[in-house]
Amino acid sequence: MAITIDDIKKLKELTGIGLTDAKAALVEADGDFDKALEALRKKGLTKAEKKGDRETREGIIDSYVHSGRIGVVVEVNCETDFVARLPEFKEFAHQMAMQIAAFAPKFATMEDIPADIYEAKKKELLESDALKGKPADMAEKIVEGQLKKHFAEQVLAEQPFVLDDSRTVGDRIKEQITLNGENIRVSQWKRIELGVNE
């Protein structure tokens, strides 16, 4: 198989390695792009092995308007401009805009809930009449479950996915990360509903 400069650049973008290393990997794989990418992944040379350390500085802004009454603008980030331009990434961003229009989340993940809001709700639940007389450790476990349930509706990653409610948005995000081989984050959004001021 012939090795093209486009394949070298694509491999460089997907893995974060240099052009020389990308070319060498393709030569070793006889020009087979998928084989070269798999070999690099097995060696641990791709950024995909270090999801936690991967920055998401690229991406796109997408929008969705539902029946002229609800509008959403969302920023979805990835690691490279290459992935940001892929049709499947654009489709994913649009799905996130639809999700936000339908379910109006306030936070991207459970970790994004401000501590003061989380602690205030926890205090309120711990002081409820239903928990009076229960041992402290049991009350704490009950409240943790109640907190998760309470905030699940407000947290994007915990919500049922608008196009398939058998899985969560978090599951859909993980699927996209696997598909694109890059870290992906829904970083910010603005939702406007006709006649509703927040």
Protein backbone atom coordinates (compact mmCIF):
# COMPACT_ATOMS: atom_id res chain seq x y z
CA MET A 1 0.00 0.00 0.00
CA ALA A 2 1.23 3.50 -0.82
CA ILE A 3 1.93 5.83 2.08
CA THR A 4 0.40 9.27 1.55
CA ILE A 5 1.21 12.55 3.30
CA ASP A 6 -2.48 12.79 4.23
CA ASP A 7 -2.28 9.49 6.11
CA ILE A 8 0.88 10.62 7.90
CA LYS A 9 -0.78 13.89 8.96
CA LYS A 10 -3.96 12.09 10.04
CA LEU A 11 -1.97 9.61 12.14
CA LYS A 12 -0.03 12.50 13.70
CA GLU A 13 -3.28 14.32 14.57
CA LEU A 14 -4.94 11.25 16.08
CA THR A 15 -1.97 10.15 18.17
CA GLY A 16 -0.04 13.32 18.98
CA ILE A 17 3.26 11.81 17.79
CA GLY A 18 5.68 13.51 15.38
CA LEU A 19 5.52 13.25 11.57
CA THR A 20 8.65 11.08 11.46
CA ASP A 21 7.21 8.60 13.97
CA ALA A 22 3.87 8.60 12.13
CA LYS A 23 5.62 7.82 8.82
CA ALA A 24 7.71 5.07 10.47
CA ALA A 25 4.56 3.47 11.92
CA LEU A 26 2.92 3.47 8.47
CA VAL A 27 6.05 1.99 6.84
CA GLU A 28 6.07 -0.75 9.49
CA ALA A 29 2.39 -1.47 8.77
CA ASP A 30 2.97 -1.57 4.97
CA GLY A 31 0.83 1.55 4.53
CA ASP A 32 -2.20 0.12 6.35
CA PHE A 33 -3.50 3.10 8.35
CA ASP A 34 -5.69 1.12 10.78
CA LYS A 35 -2.90 -1.38 11.43
CA ALA A 36 -0.44 1.48 12.14
CA LEU A 37 -2.87 3.19 14.51
CA GLU A 38 -3.54 -0.08 16.36
CA ALA A 39 0.20 -0.80 16.68
CA LEU A 40 0.79 2.66 18.17
CA ARG A 41 -2.09 2.20 20.61
CA LYS A 42 -0.66 -1.14 21.75
CA LYS A 43 2.71 0.54 22.35
CA GLY A 44 0.93 3.18 24.41
CA LEU A 45 2.15 5.99 22.19
CA THR A 46 -1.21 7.58 21.62
CA LYS A 47 -2.70 10.27 23.80
CA ALA A 48 -5.75 8.00 24.07
CA GLU A 49 -3.93 6.10 26.80
CA LYS A 50 -3.90 9.18 29.03
CA LYS A 51 -7.49 10.41 28.90
CA GLY A 52 -7.23 12.28 32.18
CA ASP A 53 -4.29 14.38 30.97
CA ARG A 54 -5.71 15.22 27.60
CA GLU A 55 -6.73 18.81 27.00
CA THR A 56 -9.72 19.68 24.87
CA ARG A 57 -8.84 22.96 23.15
CA GLU A 58 -10.49 22.35 19.79
CA GLY A 59 -14.12 21.69 18.98
CA ILE A 60 -17.20 23.38 17.59
CA ILE A 61 -20.18 25.46 18.59
CA ASP A 62 -23.53 24.08 17.49
CA SER A 63 -27.10 25.28 17.86
CA TYR A 64 -30.59 23.86 17.85
CA VAL A 65 -33.99 25.56 17.81
CA HIS A 66 -37.09 23.56 18.75
CA SER A 67 -40.42 24.77 17.29
CA GLY A 68 -39.27 28.39 17.46
CA ARG A 69 -39.74 28.28 21.26
CA ILE A 70 -36.52 26.80 22.69
CA GLY A 71 -33.04 27.65 21.44
CA VAL A 72 -29.68 26.19 22.47
CA VAL A 73 -26.10 27.14 21.67
CA VAL A 74 -23.53 24.58 22.88
CA GLU A 75 -19.73 24.31 22.86
CA VAL A 76 -18.39 20.77 22.47
CA ASN A 77 -14.64 20.31 22.74
CA CYS A 78 -12.21 17.70 21.49
CA GLU A 79 -8.43 17.55 21.21
CA THR A 80 -7.77 18.23 17.53
CA ASP A 81 -9.13 20.27 14.69
CA PHE A 82 -9.16 17.07 12.64
CA VAL A 83 -11.82 15.46 14.87
CA ALA A 84 -13.75 18.74 15.20
CA ARG A 85 -14.31 18.68 11.42
CA LEU A 86 -15.56 15.09 11.24
CA PRO A 87 -19.25 14.70 10.32
CA GLU A 88 -19.84 12.27 13.21
CA PHE A 89 -18.41 14.78 15.71
CA LYS A 90 -20.65 17.52 14.31
CA GLU A 91 -23.62 15.16 14.59
CA PHE A 92 -22.69 14.42 18.21
CA ALA A 93 -22.53 18.16 19.01
CA HIS A 94 -25.98 18.61 17.47
CA GLN A 95 -27.34 15.74 19.57
CA MET A 96 -25.99 17.48 22.68
CA ALA A 97 -27.81 20.68 21.66
CA MET A 98 -31.03 18.67 21.25
CA GLN A 99 -30.44 17.04 24.65
CA ILE A 100 -30.05 20.42 26.35
CA ALA A 101 -33.17 21.76 24.62
CA ALA A 102 -35.21 18.77 25.83
CA PHE A 103 -33.90 18.32 29.40
CA ALA A 104 -32.44 21.74 30.42
CA PRO A 105 -29.43 20.50 32.44
CA LYS A 106 -27.67 22.95 34.76
CA PHE A 107 -24.33 21.15 35.15
CA ALA A 108 -22.17 19.03 32.81
CA THR A 109 -21.10 16.42 35.40
CA MET A 110 -21.69 15.70 39.11
CA GLU A 111 -18.22 17.18 39.77
CA ASP A 112 -19.38 20.50 38.29
CA ILE A 113 -22.08 21.04 40.94
CA PRO A 114 -20.86 23.91 43.16
CA ALA A 115 -19.97 22.67 46.65
CA ASP A 116 -22.26 25.18 48.38
CA ILE A 117 -25.31 24.00 46.37
CA TYR A 118 -24.46 20.33 46.98
CA GLU A 119 -23.83 20.81 50.71
CA ALA A 120 -27.01 22.92 51.20
CA LYS A 121 -29.14 20.15 49.64
CA LYS A 122 -27.31 17.50 51.69
CA LYS A 123 -27.98 19.45 54.91
CA GLU A 124 -31.66 19.84 53.98
CA LEU A 125 -32.03 16.10 53.34
CA LEU A 126 -30.16 15.10 56.53
CA GLU A 127 -32.50 17.29 58.60
CA SER A 128 -35.68 15.86 57.05
CA ASP A 129 -38.27 14.21 59.30
CA ALA A 130 -37.96 10.93 57.39
CA LEU A 131 -34.42 10.42 58.74
CA LYS A 132 -35.09 11.25 62.39
CA GLY A 133 -34.14 8.39 64.66
CA LYS A 134 -32.06 6.57 62.03
CA PRO A 135 -28.38 5.75 62.78
CA ALA A 136 -25.98 8.38 61.36
CA ASP A 137 -24.23 5.99 58.93
CA MET A 138 -27.56 4.73 57.58
CA ALA A 139 -28.86 8.31 57.21
CA GLU A 140 -25.68 9.26 55.33
CA LYS A 141 -26.13 6.39 52.84
CA ILE A 142 -29.80 7.24 52.29
CA VAL A 143 -28.93 10.91 51.71
CA GLU A 144 -26.15 10.02 49.23
CA GLY A 145 -28.71 8.09 47.17
CA GLN A 146 -31.21 10.94 47.41
CA LEU A 147 -28.56 13.48 46.35
CA LYS A 148 -27.63 11.41 43.30
CA LYS A 149 -31.28 11.10 42.33
CA HIS A 150 -31.99 14.80 42.96
CA PHE A 151 -29.06 16.06 40.91
CA ALA A 152 -29.32 13.39 38.17
CA GLU A 153 -32.07 15.43 36.50
CA GLN A 154 -29.87 18.55 36.55
CA VAL A 155 -26.62 16.93 35.40
CA LEU A 156 -26.15 16.42 31.65
CA ALA A 157 -24.02 13.26 31.95
CA GLU A 158 -26.59 11.58 34.23
CA GLN A 159 -29.69 12.34 32.13
CA PRO A 160 -31.33 9.74 29.87
CA PHE A 161 -30.10 10.31 26.31
CA VAL A 162 -32.75 12.09 24.25
CA LEU A 163 -32.47 9.71 21.26
CA ASP A 164 -32.22 6.49 23.32
CA ASP A 165 -33.44 6.60 26.91
CA SER A 166 -32.03 3.14 27.65
CA ARG A 167 -28.66 4.82 28.21
CA THR A 168 -27.37 8.05 29.73
CA VAL A 169 -25.72 11.03 28.07
CA GLY A 170 -22.55 9.94 29.89
CA ASP A 171 -22.72 6.62 28.00
CA ARG A 172 -23.18 8.50 24.72
CA ILE A 173 -20.16 10.71 25.46
CA LYS A 174 -18.00 7.64 26.22
CA GLU A 175 -19.15 6.07 22.94
CA GLN A 176 -18.05 9.21 21.04
CA ILE A 177 -14.68 9.24 22.84
CA THR A 178 -14.13 5.62 21.75
CA LEU A 179 -15.25 6.38 18.19
CA ASN A 180 -13.01 9.44 17.75
CA GLY A 181 -10.11 8.29 19.95
CA GLU A 182 -10.02 11.67 21.69
CA ASN A 183 -11.21 13.17 24.93
CA ILE A 184 -14.52 15.00 24.42
CA ARG A 185 -16.23 17.47 26.71
CA VAL A 186 -19.49 19.42 26.60
CA SER A 187 -18.05 22.54 28.18
CA GLN A 188 -20.71 25.25 28.09
CA TRP A 189 -24.14 26.05 26.76
CA LYS A 190 -26.90 28.64 26.77
CA ARG A 191 -30.55 27.58 26.64
CA ILE A 192 -33.26 30.14 25.92
CA GLU A 193 -36.95 29.38 26.28
CA LEU A 194 -39.55 31.78 24.94
CA GLY A 195 -41.14 33.77 27.76
CA VAL A 196 -38.87 32.25 30.46
CA ASN A 197 -36.17 34.44 32.03
CA GLU A 198 -33.58 32.67 34.14
